[in-house]
PDB file of N, CA and C in Angstrom:
ATOM      1  N   MET A   1      67.605  92.855 101.797  1.00  0.00           N
ATOM      2  CA  MET A   1      68.175  92.004 100.861  1.00  0.00           C
ATOM      3  C   MET A   1      69.482  91.351 101.419  1.00  0.00           C
ATOM      4  N   ILE A   2      69.650  90.119 101.112  1.00  0.00           N
ATOM      5  CA  ILE A   2      70.898  89.521 101.482  1.00  0.00           C
ATOM      6  C   ILE A   2      71.942  89.508 100.409  1.00  0.00           C
ATOM      7  N   PRO A   3      73.197  89.534 100.785  1.00  0.00           N
ATOM      8  CA  PRO A   3      74.178  89.609  99.693  1.00  0.00           C
ATOM      9  C   PRO A   3      74.120  88.388  98.751  1.00  0.00           C
ATOM     10  N   PRO A   4      74.546  88.547  97.555  1.00  0.00           N
ATOM     11  CA  PRO A   4      74.541  87.433  96.599  1.00  0.00           C
ATOM     12  C   PRO A   4      75.302  86.107  97.081  1.00  0.00           C
ATOM     13  N   SER A   5      76.364  86.372  97.824  1.00  0.00           N
ATOM     14  CA  SER A   5      77.002  85.063  98.338  1.00  0.00           C
ATOM     15  C   SER A   5      76.057  84.300  99.295  1.00  0.00           C
ATOM     16  N   GLU A   6      75.275  85.078 100.099  1.00  0.00           N
ATOM     17  CA  GLU A   6      74.363  84.291 100.958  1.00  0.00           C
ATOM     18  C   GLU A   6      73.215  83.716 100.208  1.00  0.00           C
ATOM     19  N   ALA A   7      72.808  84.382  99.097  1.00  0.00           N
ATOM     20  CA  ALA A   7      71.732  83.910  98.272  1.00  0.00           C
ATOM     21  C   ALA A   7      72.137  82.502  97.690  1.00  0.00           C
ATOM     22  N   ALA A   8      73.450  82.415  97.210  1.00  0.00           N
ATOM     23  CA  ALA A   8      73.927  81.129  96.668  1.00  0.00           C
ATOM     24  C   ALA A   8      73.892  80.116  97.607  1.00  0.00           C
ATOM     25  N   GLU A   9      74.205  80.479  98.932  1.00  0.00           N
ATOM     26  CA  GLU A   9      74.075  79.292  99.917  1.00  0.00           C
ATOM     27  C   GLU A   9      72.712  78.864 100.190  1.00  0.00           C
ATOM     28  N   LYS A  10      71.681  79.800  99.968  1.00  0.00           N
ATOM     29  CA  LYS A  10      70.290  79.456 100.256  1.00  0.00           C
ATOM     30  C   LYS A  10      69.642  78.795  99.107  1.00  0.00           C
ATOM     31  N   LEU A  11      70.243  78.880  97.948  1.00  0.00           N
ATOM     32  CA  LEU A  11      69.673  78.275  96.788  1.00  0.00           C
ATOM     33  C   LEU A  11      70.506  77.185  96.043  1.00  0.00           C
ATOM     34  N   PRO A  12      70.920  76.102  96.926  1.00  0.00           N
ATOM     35  CA  PRO A  12      71.808  75.184  96.304  1.00  0.00           C
ATOM     36  C   PRO A  12      71.014  74.333  95.222  1.00  0.00           C
ATOM     37  N   GLY A  13      71.600  74.184  94.133  1.00  0.00           N
ATOM     38  CA  GLY A  13      71.047  73.447  93.025  1.00  0.00           C
ATOM     39  C   GLY A  13      70.217  74.318  92.021  1.00  0.00           C
ATOM     40  N   TYR A  14      69.973  75.492  92.429  1.00  0.00           N
ATOM     41  CA  TYR A  14      69.267  76.334  91.519  1.00  0.00           C
ATOM     42  C   TYR A  14      70.175  76.806  90.331  1.00  0.00           C
ATOM     43  N   PRO A  15      69.680  76.963  89.156  1.00  0.00           N
ATOM     44  CA  PRO A  15      70.522  77.386  87.997  1.00  0.00           C
ATOM     45  C   PRO A  15      71.305  78.627  88.196  1.00  0.00           C
ATOM     46  N   GLU A  16      72.496  78.597  87.531  1.00  0.00           N
ATOM     47  CA  GLU A  16      73.320  79.825  87.602  1.00  0.00           C
ATOM     48  C   GLU A  16      72.640  80.995  87.197  1.00  0.00           C
ATOM     49  N   GLU A  17      71.706  80.913  86.184  1.00  0.00           N
ATOM     50  CA  GLU A  17      70.918  82.064  85.669  1.00  0.00           C
ATOM     51  C   GLU A  17      70.219  82.766  86.764  1.00  0.00           C
ATOM     52  N   VAL A  18      69.666  81.965  87.690  1.00  0.00           N
ATOM     53  CA  VAL A  18      68.972  82.641  88.833  1.00  0.00           C
ATOM     54  C   VAL A  18      69.803  83.379  89.763  1.00  0.00           C
ATOM     55  N   LEU A  19      70.952  82.736  90.072  1.00  0.00           N
ATOM     56  CA  LEU A  19      71.925  83.328  90.964  1.00  0.00           C
ATOM     57  C   LEU A  19      72.458  84.608  90.333  1.00  0.00           C
ATOM     58  N   GLN A  20      72.730  84.590  89.039  1.00  0.00           N
ATOM     59  CA  GLN A  20      73.248  85.764  88.383  1.00  0.00           C
ATOM     60  C   GLN A  20      72.177  86.930  88.394  1.00  0.00           C
ATOM     61  N   ALA A  21      70.956  86.488  88.033  1.00  0.00           N
ATOM     62  CA  ALA A  21      69.899  87.533  88.000  1.00  0.00           C
ATOM     63  C   ALA A  21      69.827  88.185  89.448  1.00  0.00           C
ATOM     64  N   TYR A  22      69.842  87.364  90.510  1.00  0.00           N
ATOM     65  CA  TYR A  22      69.794  87.935  91.819  1.00  0.00           C
ATOM     66  C   TYR A  22      70.982  88.908  92.007  1.00  0.00           C
ATOM     67  N   ALA A  23      72.128  88.530  91.663  1.00  0.00           N
ATOM     68  CA  ALA A  23      73.369  89.409  91.876  1.00  0.00           C
ATOM     69  C   ALA A  23      73.157  90.681  91.024  1.00  0.00           C
ATOM     70  N   ASP A  24      72.601  90.550  89.843  1.00  0.00           N
ATOM     71  CA  ASP A  24      72.441  91.611  89.003  1.00  0.00           C
ATOM     72  C   ASP A  24      71.394  92.644  89.711  1.00  0.00           C
ATOM     73  N   TYR A  25      70.293  92.043  90.219  1.00  0.00           N
ATOM     74  CA  TYR A  25      69.274  92.847  90.913  1.00  0.00           C
ATOM     75  C   TYR A  25      69.792  93.577  92.153  1.00  0.00           C
ATOM     76  N   TYR A  26      70.678  92.737  92.859  1.00  0.00           N
ATOM     77  CA  TYR A  26      71.286  93.278  94.123  1.00  0.00           C
ATOM     78  C   TYR A  26      72.134  94.545  93.790  1.00  0.00           C
ATOM     79  N   ARG A  27      72.888  94.529  92.689  1.00  0.00           N
ATOM     80  CA  ARG A  27      73.623  95.637  92.304  1.00  0.00           C
ATOM     81  C   ARG A  27      72.894  96.799  91.695  1.00  0.00           C
ATOM     82  N   GLU A  28      71.935  96.541  90.659  1.00  0.00           N
ATOM     83  CA  GLU A  28      71.404  97.603  89.918  1.00  0.00           C
ATOM     84  C   GLU A  28      69.907  97.832  90.229  1.00  0.00           C
ATOM     85  N   ARG A  29      69.241  97.007  90.851  1.00  0.00           N
ATOM     86  CA  ARG A  29      67.789  97.214  91.253  1.00  0.00           C
ATOM     87  C   ARG A  29      66.885  97.349  90.043  1.00  0.00           C
ATOM     88  N   ARG A  30      67.194  96.723  88.912  1.00  0.00           N
ATOM     89  CA  ARG A  30      66.413  96.766  87.722  1.00  0.00           C
ATOM     90  C   ARG A  30      65.252  95.740  87.856  1.00  0.00           C
ATOM     91  N   SER A  31      64.039  96.210  87.500  1.00  0.00           N
ATOM     92  CA  SER A  31      62.819  95.385  87.567  1.00  0.00           C
ATOM     93  C   SER A  31      62.959  94.081  86.761  1.00  0.00           C
ATOM     94  N   HIS A  32      63.642  94.264  85.638  1.00  0.00           N
ATOM     95  CA  HIS A  32      63.821  93.085  84.678  1.00  0.00           C
ATOM     96  C   HIS A  32      64.604  91.980  85.361  1.00  0.00           C
ATOM     97  N   ASP A  33      65.684  92.368  86.168  1.00  0.00           N
ATOM     98  CA  ASP A  33      66.375  91.274  86.878  1.00  0.00           C
ATOM     99  C   ASP A  33      65.522  90.686  87.914  1.00  0.00           C
ATOM    100  N   LEU A  34      64.780  91.508  88.689  1.00  0.00           N
ATOM    101  CA  LEU A  34      63.853  90.952  89.583  1.00  0.00           C
ATOM    102  C   LEU A  34      62.913  89.841  89.108  1.00  0.00           C
ATOM    103  N   ASP A  35      62.402  90.169  87.818  1.00  0.00           N
ATOM    104  CA  ASP A  35      61.536  89.250  87.222  1.00  0.00           C
ATOM    105  C   ASP A  35      62.256  87.838  86.881  1.00  0.00           C
ATOM    106  N   ARG A  36      63.493  88.103  86.401  1.00  0.00           N
ATOM    107  CA  ARG A  36      64.311  86.896  86.094  1.00  0.00           C
ATOM    108  C   ARG A  36      64.569  85.958  87.322  1.00  0.00           C
ATOM    109  N   VAL A  37      64.743  86.629  88.452  1.00  0.00           N
ATOM    110  CA  VAL A  37      64.979  86.002  89.803  1.00  0.00           C
ATOM    111  C   VAL A  37      63.642  85.182  90.039  1.00  0.00           C
ATOM    112  N   VAL A  38      62.596  85.882  90.232  1.00  0.00           N
ATOM    113  CA  VAL A  38      61.326  85.284  90.679  1.00  0.00           C
ATOM    114  C   VAL A  38      60.856  84.252  89.711  1.00  0.00           C
ATOM    115  N   PHE A  39      60.878  84.514  88.565  1.00  0.00           N
ATOM    116  CA  PHE A  39      60.276  83.500  87.520  1.00  0.00           C
ATOM    117  C   PHE A  39      61.260  82.349  87.265  1.00  0.00           C
ATOM    118  N   GLY A  40      62.549  82.605  87.571  1.00  0.00           N
ATOM    119  CA  GLY A  40      63.612  81.537  87.478  1.00  0.00           C
ATOM    120  C   GLY A  40      63.362  80.592  88.640  1.00  0.00           C
ATOM    121  N   LEU A  41      62.996  81.038  89.837  1.00  0.00           N
ATOM    122  CA  LEU A  41      62.727  80.252  91.027  1.00  0.00           C
ATOM    123  C   LEU A  41      61.476  79.371  90.683  1.00  0.00           C
ATOM    124  N   ILE A  42      60.539  80.009  90.162  1.00  0.00           N
ATOM    125  CA  ILE A  42      59.325  79.231  89.764  1.00  0.00           C
ATOM    126  C   ILE A  42      59.583  78.199  88.845  1.00  0.00           C
ATOM    127  N   ALA A  43      60.302  78.610  87.663  1.00  0.00           N
ATOM    128  CA  ALA A  43      60.611  77.545  86.583  1.00  0.00           C
ATOM    129  C   ALA A  43      61.409  76.421  87.265  1.00  0.00           C
ATOM    130  N   PHE A  44      62.316  76.597  88.159  1.00  0.00           N
ATOM    131  CA  PHE A  44      63.012  75.498  88.689  1.00  0.00           C
ATOM    132  C   PHE A  44      62.215  74.577  89.399  1.00  0.00           C
ATOM    133  N   LEU A  45      61.130  75.028  90.093  1.00  0.00           N
ATOM    134  CA  LEU A  45      60.268  74.109  90.806  1.00  0.00           C
ATOM    135  C   LEU A  45      59.166  73.433  90.045  1.00  0.00           C
ATOM    136  N   LEU A  46      59.001  73.834  88.842  1.00  0.00           N
ATOM    137  CA  LEU A  46      57.993  73.214  88.002  1.00  0.00           C
ATOM    138  C   LEU A  46      58.372  71.810  87.575  1.00  0.00           C
ATOM    139  N   PRO A  47      57.456  70.897  87.505  1.00  0.00           N
ATOM    140  CA  PRO A  47      57.636  69.445  87.170  1.00  0.00           C
ATOM    141  C   PRO A  47      58.306  69.275  85.713  1.00  0.00           C
ATOM    142  N   GLU A  48      57.848  70.192  84.886  1.00  0.00           N
ATOM    143  CA  GLU A  48      58.319  70.173  83.467  1.00  0.00           C
ATOM    144  C   GLU A  48      58.960  71.553  83.270  1.00  0.00           C
ATOM    145  N   PRO A  49      60.108  71.643  82.494  1.00  0.00           N
ATOM    146  CA  PRO A  49      60.565  72.852  82.146  1.00  0.00           C
ATOM    147  C   PRO A  49      59.720  73.648  81.216  1.00  0.00           C
ATOM    148  N   PRO A  50      59.571  74.936  81.380  1.00  0.00           N
ATOM    149  CA  PRO A  50      58.742  75.744  80.438  1.00  0.00           C
ATOM    150  C   PRO A  50      59.398  75.846  79.092  1.00  0.00           C
ATOM    151  N   GLU A  51      58.542  76.121  78.129  1.00  0.00           N
ATOM    152  CA  GLU A  51      58.957  76.266  76.761  1.00  0.00           C
ATOM    153  C   GLU A  51      59.788  77.532  76.467  1.00  0.00           C
ATOM    154  N   ARG A  52      59.507  78.486  77.259  1.00  0.00           N
ATOM    155  CA  ARG A  52      60.207  79.752  77.118  1.00  0.00           C
ATOM    156  C   ARG A  52      60.371  80.298  78.581  1.00  0.00           C
ATOM    157  N   PRO A  53      61.318  81.220  78.826  1.00  0.00           N
ATOM    158  CA  PRO A  53      61.541  81.889  80.126  1.00  0.00           C
ATOM    159  C   PRO A  53      60.226  82.406  80.599  1.00  0.00           C
ATOM    160  N   LEU A  54      59.839  82.136  81.694  1.00  0.00           N
ATOM    161  CA  LEU A  54      58.605  82.542  82.386  1.00  0.00           C
ATOM    162  C   LEU A  54      58.473  84.162  82.451  1.00  0.00           C
ATOM    163  N   HIS A  55      59.691  84.794  82.661  1.00  0.00           N
ATOM    164  CA  HIS A  55      59.620  86.307  82.800  1.00  0.00           C
ATOM    165  C   HIS A  55      59.255  86.991  81.453  1.00  0.00           C
ATOM    166  N   GLU A  56      59.206  86.170  80.368  1.00  0.00           N
ATOM    167  CA  GLU A  56      58.850  86.702  79.060  1.00  0.00           C
ATOM    168  C   GLU A  56      57.385  86.583  78.746  1.00  0.00           C
ATOM    169  N   LEU A  57      56.678  85.842  79.582  1.00  0.00           N
ATOM    170  CA  LEU A  57      55.229  85.663  79.342  1.00  0.00           C
ATOM    171  C   LEU A  57      54.429  86.883  79.563  1.00  0.00           C
ATOM    172  N   PRO A  58      53.302  87.006  78.969  1.00  0.00           N
ATOM    173  CA  PRO A  58      52.460  88.182  79.242  1.00  0.00           C
ATOM    174  C   PRO A  58      52.026  88.306  80.647  1.00  0.00           C
ATOM    175  N   ASP A  59      51.797  89.509  81.066  1.00  0.00           N
ATOM    176  CA  ASP A  59      51.284  89.783  82.413  1.00  0.00           C
ATOM    177  C   ASP A  59      49.913  89.148  82.786  1.00  0.00           C
ATOM    178  N   SER A  60      49.313  88.812  81.795  1.00  0.00           N
ATOM    179  CA  SER A  60      47.897  88.219  81.980  1.00  0.00           C
ATOM    180  C   SER A  60      48.028  86.715  82.234  1.00  0.00           C
ATOM    181  N   THR A  61      49.137  86.027  82.159  1.00  0.00           N
ATOM    182  CA  THR A  61      49.380  84.593  82.358  1.00  0.00           C
ATOM    183  C   THR A  61      48.941  84.250  83.788  1.00  0.00           C
ATOM    184  N   ASP A  62      48.046  83.363  83.867  1.00  0.00           N
ATOM    185  CA  ASP A  62      47.466  82.843  85.206  1.00  0.00           C
ATOM    186  C   ASP A  62      48.466  81.856  85.746  1.00  0.00           C
ATOM    187  N   LEU A  63      48.887  82.130  86.998  1.00  0.00           N
ATOM    188  CA  LEU A  63      49.927  81.314  87.729  1.00  0.00           C
ATOM    189  C   LEU A  63      49.314  79.842  87.847  1.00  0.00           C
ATOM    190  N   ARG A  64      48.111  79.769  88.253  1.00  0.00           N
ATOM    191  CA  ARG A  64      47.552  78.450  88.461  1.00  0.00           C
ATOM    192  C   ARG A  64      47.026  77.681  87.218  1.00  0.00           C
ATOM    193  N   ALA A  65      46.217  78.380  86.553  1.00  0.00           N
ATOM    194  CA  ALA A  65      45.504  77.847  85.334  1.00  0.00           C
ATOM    195  C   ALA A  65      46.502  77.597  84.178  1.00  0.00           C
ATOM    196  N   ASP A  66      47.286  78.608  83.794  1.00  0.00           N
ATOM    197  CA  ASP A  66      48.172  78.546  82.646  1.00  0.00           C
ATOM    198  C   ASP A  66      49.544  77.837  82.950  1.00  0.00           C
ATOM    199  N   LEU A  67      50.024  78.078  84.058  1.00  0.00           N
ATOM    200  CA  LEU A  67      51.332  77.465  84.379  1.00  0.00           C
ATOM    201  C   LEU A  67      51.272  76.260  85.198  1.00  0.00           C
ATOM    202  N   GLN A  68      50.036  75.973  85.716  1.00  0.00           N
ATOM    203  CA  GLN A  68      49.749  74.764  86.497  1.00  0.00           C
ATOM    204  C   GLN A  68      50.654  74.751  87.779  1.00  0.00           C
ATOM    205  N   ILE A  69      50.815  75.935  88.378  1.00  0.00           N
ATOM    206  CA  ILE A  69      51.532  76.054  89.676  1.00  0.00           C
ATOM    207  C   ILE A  69      50.551  75.783  90.729  1.00  0.00           C
ATOM    208  N   ASP A  70      50.873  74.849  91.648  1.00  0.00           N
ATOM    209  CA  ASP A  70      50.080  74.620  92.728  1.00  0.00           C
ATOM    210  C   ASP A  70      50.363  75.472  93.990  1.00  0.00           C
ATOM    211  N   SER A  71      49.415  75.430  94.933  1.00  0.00           N
ATOM    212  CA  SER A  71      49.649  76.245  96.138  1.00  0.00           C
ATOM    213  C   SER A  71      50.985  75.997  96.865  1.00  0.00           C
ATOM    214  N   ILE A  72      51.346  74.755  96.861  1.00  0.00           N
ATOM    215  CA  ILE A  72      52.568  74.326  97.514  1.00  0.00           C
ATOM    216  C   ILE A  72      53.806  75.004  96.832  1.00  0.00           C
ATOM    217  N   THR A  73      53.841  75.001  95.513  1.00  0.00           N
ATOM    218  CA  THR A  73      54.920  75.716  94.886  1.00  0.00           C
ATOM    219  C   THR A  73      54.958  77.132  94.986  1.00  0.00           C
ATOM    220  N   ILE A  74      53.701  77.782  95.010  1.00  0.00           N
ATOM    221  CA  ILE A  74      53.632  79.204  95.216  1.00  0.00           C
ATOM    222  C   ILE A  74      54.125  79.574  96.547  1.00  0.00           C
ATOM    223  N   ALA A  75      53.705  78.812  97.603  1.00  0.00           N
ATOM    224  CA  ALA A  75      54.181  79.066  98.908  1.00  0.00           C
ATOM    225  C   ALA A  75      55.700  78.848  99.034  1.00  0.00           C
ATOM    226  N   GLU A  76      56.170  77.863  98.404  1.00  0.00           N
ATOM    227  CA  GLU A  76      57.751  77.680  98.465  1.00  0.00           C
ATOM    228  C   GLU A  76      58.408  78.881  97.900  1.00  0.00           C
ATOM    229  N   VAL A  77      57.873  79.257  96.679  1.00  0.00           N
ATOM    230  CA  VAL A  77      58.542  80.431  96.078  1.00  0.00           C
ATOM    231  C   VAL A  77      58.407  81.688  96.940  1.00  0.00           C
ATOM    232  N   VAL A  78      57.229  81.949  97.602  1.00  0.00           N
ATOM    233  CA  VAL A  78      57.097  83.044  98.451  1.00  0.00           C
ATOM    234  C   VAL A  78      57.979  82.949  99.646  1.00  0.00           C
ATOM    235  N   PHE A  79      58.253  81.801 100.260  1.00  0.00           N
ATOM    236  CA  PHE A  79      59.167  81.688 101.312  1.00  0.00           C
ATOM    237  C   PHE A  79      60.661  82.084 100.919  1.00  0.00           C
ATOM    238  N   ILE A  80      61.008  81.531  99.800  1.00  0.00           N
ATOM    239  CA  ILE A  80      62.302  81.944  99.233  1.00  0.00           C
ATOM    240  C   ILE A  80      62.468  83.437  99.043  1.00  0.00           C
ATOM    241  N   ILE A  81      61.379  84.072  98.425  1.00  0.00           N
ATOM    242  CA  ILE A  81      61.433  85.496  98.146  1.00  0.00           C
ATOM    243  C   ILE A  81      61.508  86.196  99.370  1.00  0.00           C
ATOM    244  N   GLU A  82      60.718  85.803 100.396  1.00  0.00           N
ATOM    245  CA  GLU A  82      60.715  86.574 101.727  1.00  0.00           C
ATOM    246  C   GLU A  82      62.190  86.487 102.244  1.00  0.00           C
ATOM    247  N   ASP A  83      62.809  85.404 102.201  1.00  0.00           N
ATOM    248  CA  ASP A  83      64.139  85.191 102.699  1.00  0.00           C
ATOM    249  C   ASP A  83      65.190  85.982 101.970  1.00  0.00           C
ATOM    250  N   LEU A  84      65.092  85.899 100.690  1.00  0.00           N
ATOM    251  CA  LEU A  84      66.102  86.694  99.854  1.00  0.00           C
ATOM    252  C   LEU A  84      66.021  88.198  99.980  1.00  0.00           C
ATOM    253  N   PHE A  85      64.763  88.676  99.930  1.00  0.00           N
ATOM    254  CA  PHE A  85      64.452  90.057  99.844  1.00  0.00           C
ATOM    255  C   PHE A  85      64.012  90.763 101.247  1.00  0.00           C
ATOM    256  N   ASP A  86      64.068  89.921 102.220  1.00  0.00           N
ATOM    257  CA  ASP A  86      63.600  90.386 103.550  1.00  0.00           C
ATOM    258  C   ASP A  86      62.204  91.114 103.412  1.00  0.00           C
ATOM    259  N   LEU A  87      61.364  90.282 102.992  1.00  0.00           N
ATOM    260  CA  LEU A  87      59.889  90.788 102.878  1.00  0.00           C
ATOM    261  C   LEU A  87      58.982  89.850 103.659  1.00  0.00           C
ATOM    262  N   LYS A  88      57.813  90.287 103.837  1.00  0.00           N
ATOM    263  CA  LYS A  88      56.684  89.575 104.409  1.00  0.00           C
ATOM    264  C   LYS A  88      55.617  89.699 103.577  1.00  0.00           C
ATOM    265  N   ILE A  89      55.084  88.472 103.046  1.00  0.00           N
ATOM    266  CA  ILE A  89      53.870  88.477 102.141  1.00  0.00           C
ATOM    267  C   ILE A  89      52.809  87.687 102.997  1.00  0.00           C
ATOM    268  N   SER A  90      51.725  88.431 103.254  1.00  0.00           N
ATOM    269  CA  SER A  90      50.633  87.821 103.948  1.00  0.00           C
ATOM    270  C   SER A  90      49.853  86.695 103.159  1.00  0.00           C
ATOM    271  N   ASN A  91      49.228  85.848 103.868  1.00  0.00           N
ATOM    272  CA  ASN A  91      48.473  84.857 103.291  1.00  0.00           C
ATOM    273  C   ASN A  91      47.357  85.378 102.333  1.00  0.00           C
ATOM    274  N   ASP A  92      46.739  86.490 102.764  1.00  0.00           N
ATOM    275  CA  ASP A  92      45.669  87.167 101.956  1.00  0.00           C
ATOM    276  C   ASP A  92      46.281  87.710 100.617  1.00  0.00           C
ATOM    277  N   THR A  93      47.483  88.292 100.746  1.00  0.00           N
ATOM    278  CA  THR A  93      48.172  88.751  99.522  1.00  0.00           C
ATOM    279  C   THR A  93      48.529  87.598  98.719  1.00  0.00           C
ATOM    280  N   LEU A  94      49.052  86.548  99.272  1.00  0.00           N
ATOM    281  CA  LEU A  94      49.466  85.436  98.504  1.00  0.00           C
ATOM    282  C   LEU A  94      48.335  84.845  97.716  1.00  0.00           C
ATOM    283  N   MET A  95      47.126  84.752  98.294  1.00  0.00           N
ATOM    284  CA  MET A  95      46.021  84.175  97.635  1.00  0.00           C
ATOM    285  C   MET A  95      45.465  85.148  96.556  1.00  0.00           C
ATOM    286  N   SER A  96      45.787  86.418  96.721  1.00  0.00           N
ATOM    287  CA  SER A  96      45.230  87.375  95.637  1.00  0.00           C
ATOM    288  C   SER A  96      46.103  87.530  94.344  1.00  0.00           C
ATOM    289  N   LEU A  97      47.341  86.844  94.430  1.00  0.00           N
ATOM    290  CA  LEU A  97      48.178  86.946  93.327  1.00  0.00           C
ATOM    291  C   LEU A  97      47.770  85.841  92.390  1.00  0.00           C
ATOM    292  N   GLN A  98      47.105  86.279  91.283  1.00  0.00           N
ATOM    293  CA  GLN A  98      46.536  85.327  90.289  1.00  0.00           C
ATOM    294  C   GLN A  98      47.430  85.221  88.956  1.00  0.00           C
ATOM    295  N   THR A  99      48.024  86.364  88.628  1.00  0.00           N
ATOM    296  CA  THR A  99      48.753  86.303  87.297  1.00  0.00           C
ATOM    297  C   THR A  99      50.225  86.702  87.505  1.00  0.00           C
ATOM    298  N   THR A 100      50.962  86.502  86.389  1.00  0.00           N
ATOM    299  CA  THR A 100      52.337  86.855  86.531  1.00  0.00           C
ATOM    300  C   THR A 100      52.519  88.350  86.780  1.00  0.00           C
ATOM    301  N   GLY A 101      51.586  89.147  86.117  1.00  0.00           N
ATOM    302  CA  GLY A 101      51.608  90.539  86.330  1.00  0.00           C
ATOM    303  C   GLY A 101      51.298  90.939  87.836  1.00  0.00           C
ATOM    304  N   ASP A 102      50.328  90.243  88.429  1.00  0.00           N
ATOM    305  CA  ASP A 102      50.084  90.575  89.771  1.00  0.00           C
ATOM    306  C   ASP A 102      51.323  90.337  90.697  1.00  0.00           C
ATOM    307  N   LEU A 103      52.025  89.242  90.407  1.00  0.00           N
ATOM    308  CA  LEU A 103      53.178  88.906  91.193  1.00  0.00           C
ATOM    309  C   LEU A 103      54.289  89.902  90.954  1.00  0.00           C
ATOM    310  N   LYS A 104      54.598  90.241  89.619  1.00  0.00           N
ATOM    311  CA  LYS A 104      55.562  91.366  89.312  1.00  0.00           C
ATOM    312  C   LYS A 104      55.250  92.643  90.023  1.00  0.00           C
ATOM    313  N   ASN A 105      53.972  93.054  89.946  1.00  0.00           N
ATOM    314  CA  ASN A 105      53.602  94.368  90.443  1.00  0.00           C
ATOM    315  C   ASN A 105      53.663  94.404  91.933  1.00  0.00           C
ATOM    316  N   HIS A 106      53.315  93.309  92.517  1.00  0.00           N
ATOM    317  CA  HIS A 106      53.370  93.325  94.053  1.00  0.00           C
ATOM    318  C   HIS A 106      54.757  93.428  94.564  1.00  0.00           C
ATOM    319  N   LEU A 107      55.658  92.674  93.984  1.00  0.00           N
ATOM    320  CA  LEU A 107      57.043  92.544  94.424  1.00  0.00           C
ATOM    321  C   LEU A 107      57.789  93.861  94.135  1.00  0.00           C
ATOM    322  N   ARG A 108      57.413  94.467  92.933  1.00  0.00           N
ATOM    323  CA  ARG A 108      58.042  95.750  92.624  1.00  0.00           C
ATOM    324  C   ARG A 108      57.637  96.839  93.608  1.00  0.00           C
ATOM    325  N   LYS A 109      56.336  96.783  93.893  1.00  0.00           N
ATOM    326  CA  LYS A 109      55.735  97.785  94.907  1.00  0.00           C
ATOM    327  C   LYS A 109      56.552  97.576  96.352  1.00  0.00           C
ATOM    328  N   GLU A 110      56.535  96.341  96.711  1.00  0.00           N
ATOM    329  CA  GLU A 110      57.099  95.988  98.029  1.00  0.00           C
ATOM    330  C   GLU A 110      58.572  96.444  98.100  1.00  0.00           C
ATOM    331  N   LEU A 111      59.337  96.185  97.110  1.00  0.00           N
ATOM    332  CA  LEU A 111      60.767  96.366  97.059  1.00  0.00           C
ATOM    333  C   LEU A 111      61.154  97.930  96.834  1.00  0.00           C
ATOM    334  N   ALA A 112      60.189  98.646  96.380  1.00  0.00           N
ATOM    335  CA  ALA A 112      60.378 100.058  96.026  1.00  0.00           C
ATOM    336  C   ALA A 112      60.177 100.860  97.322  1.00  0.00           C
ATOM    337  N   GLY A 113      59.319 100.445  98.172  1.00  0.00           N
ATOM    338  CA  GLY A 113      58.977 101.126  99.448  1.00  0.00           C
ATOM    339  C   GLY A 113      59.511 100.592 100.612  1.00  0.00           C
TER     340      GLY A 113
END
């Protein structure tokens, strides 16, 4: 993981809430903060702001069908996540992430090990 000061440099224009969630996760390693970071990144890239915070949606929420996230947005979010958290997510894994729960569970597993 990169320090929060470096994350802020890599995320110009992103909302302060995303940067704060990253700093909180960096310090405490709470899964709730990780969710706030990841879904804050996604929400920022959506053409229309969501009605409620994405990290509050049920785990069964489909990334593509329910949130209308296209493959370019998913790839962009994954690139940012890989950079921030020093992870590598394969294309096969990327294509298998269908729901918000899939994404949460995969990232939690990767960051725990």
